[in-house]
């Protein structure tokens, strides 16, 4: 979960920096970075959920045997 939190923190930081950027190209770069960090966090959360579901299924099968 630390990875997801790190990605979310980086996304928030990029957004804060974009909000105070005075140059349009810098603002745009930071907004792209924000979107990328957010996408990475979403994917990492999906992986964690998939792993948890697979582990629960494995345990259920083991318990049923």
PDB file of N, CA and C in Angstrom:
ATOM      1  N   UNK A   1       0.823  -1.203   0.000  1.00  0.00           N
ATOM      2  CA  UNK A   1       0.000   0.000   0.000  1.00  0.00           C
ATOM      3  C   UNK A   1       0.861   1.258   0.000  1.00  0.00           C
ATOM      4  N   UNK A   2       2.087   1.122   0.468  1.00  0.00           N
ATOM      5  CA  UNK A   2       2.964   2.285   0.513  1.00  0.00           C
ATOM      6  C   UNK A   2       3.208   2.845  -0.883  1.00  0.00           C
ATOM      7  N   UNK A   3       3.272   1.959  -1.866  1.00  0.00           N
ATOM      8  CA  UNK A   3       3.498   2.406  -3.239  1.00  0.00           C
ATOM      9  C   UNK A   3       2.325   3.248  -3.729  1.00  0.00           C
ATOM     10  N   UNK A   4       1.119   2.781  -3.469  1.00  0.00           N
ATOM     11  CA  UNK A   4      -0.076   3.521  -3.889  1.00  0.00           C
ATOM     12  C   UNK A   4      -0.098   4.886  -3.217  1.00  0.00           C
ATOM     13  N   UNK A   5       0.190   4.914  -1.932  1.00  0.00           N
ATOM     14  CA  UNK A   5       0.207   6.189  -1.209  1.00  0.00           C
ATOM     15  C   UNK A   5       1.261   7.125  -1.784  1.00  0.00           C
ATOM     16  N   UNK A   6       2.429   6.578  -2.122  1.00  0.00           N
ATOM     17  CA  UNK A   6       3.488   7.387  -2.722  1.00  0.00           C
ATOM     18  C   UNK A   6       3.010   7.990  -4.036  1.00  0.00           C
ATOM     19  N   UNK A   7       2.376   7.176  -4.880  1.00  0.00           N
ATOM     20  CA  UNK A   7       1.875   7.672  -6.165  1.00  0.00           C
ATOM     21  C   UNK A   7       0.836   8.770  -5.960  1.00  0.00           C
ATOM     22  N   UNK A   8      -0.068   8.565  -5.004  1.00  0.00           N
ATOM     23  CA  UNK A   8      -1.103   9.576  -4.727  1.00  0.00           C
ATOM     24  C   UNK A   8      -0.469  10.884  -4.209  1.00  0.00           C
ATOM     25  N   UNK A   9       0.536  10.754  -3.368  1.00  0.00           N
ATOM     26  CA  UNK A   9       1.221  11.952  -2.858  1.00  0.00           C
ATOM     27  C   UNK A   9       1.905  12.710  -3.989  1.00  0.00           C
ATOM     28  N   UNK A  10       2.539  11.981  -4.882  1.00  0.00           N
ATOM     29  CA  UNK A  10       3.208  12.623  -6.022  1.00  0.00           C
ATOM     30  C   UNK A  10       2.187  13.304  -6.935  1.00  0.00           C
ATOM     31  N   UNK A  11       1.035  12.680  -7.127  1.00  0.00           N
ATOM     32  CA  UNK A  11      -0.017  13.287  -7.951  1.00  0.00           C
ATOM     33  C   UNK A  11      -0.496  14.584  -7.311  1.00  0.00           C
ATOM     34  N   UNK A  12      -0.700  14.553  -6.014  1.00  0.00           N
ATOM     35  CA  UNK A  12      -1.151  15.759  -5.308  1.00  0.00           C
ATOM     36  C   UNK A  12      -0.092  16.854  -5.367  1.00  0.00           C
ATOM     37  N   UNK A  13       1.163  16.467  -5.214  1.00  0.00           N
ATOM     38  CA  UNK A  13       2.247  17.448  -5.290  1.00  0.00           C
ATOM     39  C   UNK A  13       2.316  18.079  -6.676  1.00  0.00           C
ATOM     40  N   UNK A  14       2.183  17.267  -7.708  1.00  0.00           N
ATOM     41  CA  UNK A  14       2.208  17.796  -9.072  1.00  0.00           C
ATOM     42  C   UNK A  14       1.058  18.766  -9.296  1.00  0.00           C
ATOM     43  N   UNK A  15      -0.103  18.446  -8.755  1.00  0.00           N
ATOM     44  CA  UNK A  15      -1.254  19.337  -8.908  1.00  0.00           C
ATOM     45  C   UNK A  15      -1.026  20.656  -8.173  1.00  0.00           C
ATOM     46  N   UNK A  16      -0.489  20.578  -6.950  1.00  0.00           N
ATOM     47  CA  UNK A  16      -0.208  21.817  -6.204  1.00  0.00           C
ATOM     48  C   UNK A  16       0.778  22.692  -6.968  1.00  0.00           C
ATOM     49  N   UNK A  17       1.818  22.065  -7.492  1.00  0.00           N
ATOM     50  CA  UNK A  17       2.816  22.828  -8.240  1.00  0.00           C
ATOM     51  C   UNK A  17       2.225  23.406  -9.517  1.00  0.00           C
ATOM     52  N   UNK A  18       1.343  22.665 -10.171  1.00  0.00           N
ATOM     53  CA  UNK A  18       0.695  23.161 -11.391  1.00  0.00           C
ATOM     54  C   UNK A  18      -0.172  24.375 -11.087  1.00  0.00           C
ATOM     55  N   UNK A  19      -0.823  24.357  -9.939  1.00  0.00           N
ATOM     56  CA  UNK A  19      -1.709  25.469  -9.569  1.00  0.00           C
ATOM     57  C   UNK A  19      -0.959  26.782  -9.357  1.00  0.00           C
ATOM     58  N   UNK A  20       0.324  26.707  -9.015  1.00  0.00           N
ATOM     59  CA  UNK A  20       1.088  27.937  -8.790  1.00  0.00           C
ATOM     60  C   UNK A  20       2.073  28.242  -9.917  1.00  0.00           C
ATOM     61  N   UNK A  21       2.140  27.363 -10.914  1.00  0.00           N
ATOM     62  CA  UNK A  21       3.065  27.582 -12.031  1.00  0.00           C
ATOM     63  C   UNK A  21       2.614  28.786 -12.847  1.00  0.00           C
ATOM     64  N   UNK A  22       3.574  29.595 -13.241  1.00  0.00           N
ATOM     65  CA  UNK A  22       3.242  30.786 -14.018  1.00  0.00           C
ATOM     66  C   UNK A  22       3.391  30.550 -15.523  1.00  0.00           C
ATOM     67  N   UNK A  23       4.190  29.597 -15.897  1.00  0.00           N
ATOM     68  CA  UNK A  23       4.385  29.297 -17.320  1.00  0.00           C
ATOM     69  C   UNK A  23       3.430  28.190 -17.757  1.00  0.00           C
ATOM     70  N   UNK A  24       2.775  28.393 -18.885  1.00  0.00           N
ATOM     71  CA  UNK A  24       1.780  27.443 -19.370  1.00  0.00           C
ATOM     72  C   UNK A  24       2.386  26.071 -19.639  1.00  0.00           C
ATOM     73  N   UNK A  25       3.593  26.040 -20.220  1.00  0.00           N
ATOM     74  CA  UNK A  25       4.198  24.745 -20.534  1.00  0.00           C
ATOM     75  C   UNK A  25       4.576  23.982 -19.268  1.00  0.00           C
ATOM     76  N   UNK A  26       4.986  24.681 -18.241  1.00  0.00           N
ATOM     77  CA  UNK A  26       5.313  24.037 -16.965  1.00  0.00           C
ATOM     78  C   UNK A  26       4.033  23.514 -16.321  1.00  0.00           C
ATOM     79  N   UNK A  27       2.979  24.312 -16.358  1.00  0.00           N
ATOM     80  CA  UNK A  27       1.688  23.901 -15.808  1.00  0.00           C
ATOM     81  C   UNK A  27       1.200  22.639 -16.515  1.00  0.00           C
ATOM     82  N   UNK A  28       1.283  22.639 -17.837  1.00  0.00           N
ATOM     83  CA  UNK A  28       0.836  21.484 -18.619  1.00  0.00           C
ATOM     84  C   UNK A  28       1.663  20.243 -18.287  1.00  0.00           C
ATOM     85  N   UNK A  29       2.962  20.394 -18.170  1.00  0.00           N
ATOM     86  CA  UNK A  29       3.837  19.265 -17.837  1.00  0.00           C
ATOM     87  C   UNK A  29       3.471  18.690 -16.475  1.00  0.00           C
ATOM     88  N   UNK A  30       3.196  19.564 -15.525  1.00  0.00           N
ATOM     89  CA  UNK A  30       2.832  19.116 -14.180  1.00  0.00           C
ATOM     90  C   UNK A  30       1.460  18.444 -14.156  1.00  0.00           C
ATOM     91  N   UNK A  31       0.543  18.921 -14.964  1.00  0.00           N
ATOM     92  CA  UNK A  31      -0.773  18.282 -15.035  1.00  0.00           C
ATOM     93  C   UNK A  31      -0.684  16.902 -15.690  1.00  0.00           C
ATOM     94  N   UNK A  32       0.176  16.782 -16.675  1.00  0.00           N
ATOM     95  CA  UNK A  32       0.411  15.465 -17.284  1.00  0.00           C
ATOM     96  C   UNK A  32       1.036  14.529 -16.260  1.00  0.00           C
ATOM     97  N   UNK A  33       1.980  15.043 -15.488  1.00  0.00           N
ATOM     98  CA  UNK A  33       2.604  14.240 -14.440  1.00  0.00           C
ATOM     99  C   UNK A  33       1.554  13.802 -13.414  1.00  0.00           C
ATOM    100  N   UNK A  34       0.672  14.717 -13.041  1.00  0.00           N
ATOM    101  CA  UNK A  34      -0.402  14.386 -12.090  1.00  0.00           C
ATOM    102  C   UNK A  34      -1.251  13.241 -12.623  1.00  0.00           C
ATOM    103  N   UNK A  35      -1.633  13.345 -13.881  1.00  0.00           N
ATOM    104  CA  UNK A  35      -2.465  12.305 -14.480  1.00  0.00           C
ATOM    105  C   UNK A  35      -1.725  10.967 -14.544  1.00  0.00           C
ATOM    106  N   UNK A  36      -0.446  11.015 -14.827  1.00  0.00           N
ATOM    107  CA  UNK A  36       0.356   9.795 -14.900  1.00  0.00           C
ATOM    108  C   UNK A  36       0.485   9.147 -13.529  1.00  0.00           C
ATOM    109  N   UNK A  37       0.781   9.948 -12.499  1.00  0.00           N
ATOM    110  CA  UNK A  37       0.880   9.414 -11.138  1.00  0.00           C
ATOM    111  C   UNK A  37      -0.454   8.809 -10.701  1.00  0.00           C
ATOM    112  N   UNK A  38      -1.548   9.477 -11.038  1.00  0.00           N
ATOM    113  CA  UNK A  38      -2.875   8.974 -10.671  1.00  0.00           C
ATOM    114  C   UNK A  38      -3.159   7.647 -11.368  1.00  0.00           C
ATOM    115  N   UNK A  39      -2.814   7.563 -12.640  1.00  0.00           N
ATOM    116  CA  UNK A  39      -3.008   6.317 -13.389  1.00  0.00           C
ATOM    117  C   UNK A  39      -2.172   5.184 -12.789  1.00  0.00           C
ATOM    118  N   UNK A  40      -0.946   5.495 -12.419  1.00  0.00           N
ATOM    119  CA  UNK A  40      -0.091   4.484 -11.804  1.00  0.00           C
ATOM    120  C   UNK A  40      -0.680   4.012 -10.471  1.00  0.00           C
ATOM    121  N   UNK A  41      -1.212   4.937  -9.687  1.00  0.00           N
ATOM    122  CA  UNK A  41      -1.826   4.575  -8.411  1.00  0.00           C
ATOM    123  C   UNK A  41      -3.055   3.697  -8.632  1.00  0.00           C
ATOM    124  N   UNK A  42      -3.865   4.049  -9.613  1.00  0.00           N
ATOM    125  CA  UNK A  42      -5.052   3.253  -9.912  1.00  0.00           C
ATOM    126  C   UNK A  42      -4.672   1.836 -10.327  1.00  0.00           C
ATOM    127  N   UNK A  43      -3.647   1.723 -11.168  1.00  0.00           N
ATOM    128  CA  UNK A  43      -3.194   0.404 -11.607  1.00  0.00           C
ATOM    129  C   UNK A  43      -2.638  -0.394 -10.434  1.00  0.00           C
ATOM    130  N   UNK A  44      -1.873   0.244  -9.585  1.00  0.00           N
ATOM    131  CA  UNK A  44      -1.299  -0.442  -8.424  1.00  0.00           C
ATOM    132  C   UNK A  44      -2.402  -0.930  -7.486  1.00  0.00           C
ATOM    133  N   UNK A  45      -3.439  -0.129  -7.305  1.00  0.00           N
ATOM    134  CA  UNK A  45      -4.570  -0.556  -6.480  1.00  0.00           C
ATOM    135  C   UNK A  45      -5.261  -1.762  -7.105  1.00  0.00           C
ATOM    136  N   UNK A  46      -5.395  -1.750  -8.428  1.00  0.00           N
ATOM    137  CA  UNK A  46      -6.006  -2.881  -9.123  1.00  0.00           C
ATOM    138  C   UNK A  46      -5.202  -4.157  -8.930  1.00  0.00           C
ATOM    139  N   UNK A  47      -3.891  -4.031  -8.983  1.00  0.00           N
ATOM    140  CA  UNK A  47      -3.018  -5.192  -8.767  1.00  0.00           C
ATOM    141  C   UNK A  47      -3.190  -5.716  -7.343  1.00  0.00           C
ATOM    142  N   UNK A  48      -3.217  -4.817  -6.376  1.00  0.00           N
ATOM    143  CA  UNK A  48      -3.397  -5.242  -4.984  1.00  0.00           C
ATOM    144  C   UNK A  48      -4.727  -5.961  -4.789  1.00  0.00           C
ATOM    145  N   UNK A  49      -5.784  -5.433  -5.397  1.00  0.00           N
ATOM    146  CA  UNK A  49      -7.099  -6.073  -5.278  1.00  0.00           C
ATOM    147  C   UNK A  49      -7.101  -7.437  -5.957  1.00  0.00           C
ATOM    148  N   UNK A  50      -6.463  -7.535  -7.111  1.00  0.00           N
ATOM    149  CA  UNK A  50      -6.393  -8.823  -7.821  1.00  0.00           C
ATOM    150  C   UNK A  50      -5.625  -9.853  -7.007  1.00  0.00           C
ATOM    151  N   UNK A  51      -4.522  -9.424  -6.419  1.00  0.00           N
ATOM    152  CA  UNK A  51      -3.730 -10.334  -5.589  1.00  0.00           C
ATOM    153  C   UNK A  51      -4.530 -10.803  -4.377  1.00  0.00           C
ATOM    154  N   UNK A  52      -5.245  -9.878  -3.756  1.00  0.00           N
ATOM    155  CA  UNK A  52      -6.038 -10.240  -2.580  1.00  0.00           C
ATOM    156  C   UNK A  52      -7.139 -11.220  -2.967  1.00  0.00           C
ATOM    157  N   UNK A  53      -7.790 -10.988  -4.106  1.00  0.00           N
ATOM    158  CA  UNK A  53      -8.846 -11.889  -4.565  1.00  0.00           C
ATOM    159  C   UNK A  53      -8.275 -13.267  -4.887  1.00  0.00           C
ATOM    160  N   UNK A  54      -7.125 -13.315  -5.528  1.00  0.00           N
ATOM    161  CA  UNK A  54      -6.495 -14.591  -5.856  1.00  0.00           C
ATOM    162  C   UNK A  54      -6.099 -15.341  -4.592  1.00  0.00           C
ATOM    163  N   UNK A  55      -5.587 -14.627  -3.623  1.00  0.00           N
ATOM    164  CA  UNK A  55      -5.196 -15.252  -2.360  1.00  0.00           C
ATOM    165  C   UNK A  55      -6.424 -15.792  -1.620  1.00  0.00           C
ATOM    166  N   UNK A  56      -7.512 -15.023  -1.615  1.00  0.00           N
ATOM    167  CA  UNK A  56      -8.737 -15.473  -0.960  1.00  0.00           C
ATOM    168  C   UNK A  56      -9.288 -16.713  -1.655  1.00  0.00           C
ATOM    169  N   UNK A  57      -9.239 -16.733  -2.972  1.00  0.00           N
ATOM    170  CA  UNK A  57      -9.708 -17.897  -3.723  1.00  0.00           C
ATOM    171  C   UNK A  57      -8.834 -19.115  -3.425  1.00  0.00           C
ATOM    172  N   UNK A  58      -7.547 -18.900  -3.364  1.00  0.00           N
ATOM    173  CA  UNK A  58      -6.607 -19.986  -3.060  1.00  0.00           C
ATOM    174  C   UNK A  58      -6.895 -20.555  -1.669  1.00  0.00           C
ATOM    175  N   UNK A  59      -7.114 -19.680  -0.696  1.00  0.00           N
ATOM    176  CA  UNK A  59      -7.398 -20.130   0.659  1.00  0.00           C
ATOM    177  C   UNK A  59      -8.733 -20.875   0.727  1.00  0.00           C
ATOM    178  N   UNK A  60      -9.714 -20.402  -0.031  1.00  0.00           N
ATOM    179  CA  UNK A  60     -11.024 -21.069  -0.059  1.00  0.00           C
ATOM    180  C   UNK A  60     -10.890 -22.462  -0.646  1.00  0.00           C
ATOM    181  N   UNK A  61     -10.110 -22.599  -1.686  1.00  0.00           N
ATOM    182  CA  UNK A  61      -9.910 -23.908  -2.302  1.00  0.00           C
ATOM    183  C   UNK A  61      -9.154 -24.840  -1.357  1.00  0.00           C
ATOM    184  N   UNK A  62      -8.171 -24.297  -0.651  1.00  0.00           N
ATOM    185  CA  UNK A  62      -7.404 -25.096   0.303  1.00  0.00           C
ATOM    186  C   UNK A  62      -8.310 -25.561   1.462  1.00  0.00           C
ATOM    187  N   UNK A  63      -9.165 -24.664   1.927  1.00  0.00           N
ATOM    188  CA  UNK A  63     -10.064 -24.992   3.030  1.00  0.00           C
ATOM    189  C   UNK A  63     -11.097 -26.022   2.602  1.00  0.00           C
ATOM    190  N   UNK A  64     -11.503 -25.982   1.349  1.00  0.00           N
ATOM    191  CA  UNK A  64     -12.515 -26.916   0.843  1.00  0.00           C
ATOM    192  C   UNK A  64     -11.933 -28.312   0.632  1.00  0.00           C
ATOM    193  N   UNK A  65     -10.635 -28.394   0.518  1.00  0.00           N
ATOM    194  CA  UNK A  65     -10.014 -29.704   0.257  1.00  0.00           C
ATOM    195  C   UNK A  65      -9.857 -30.539   1.486  1.00  0.00           C
TER     196      UNK A  65
END
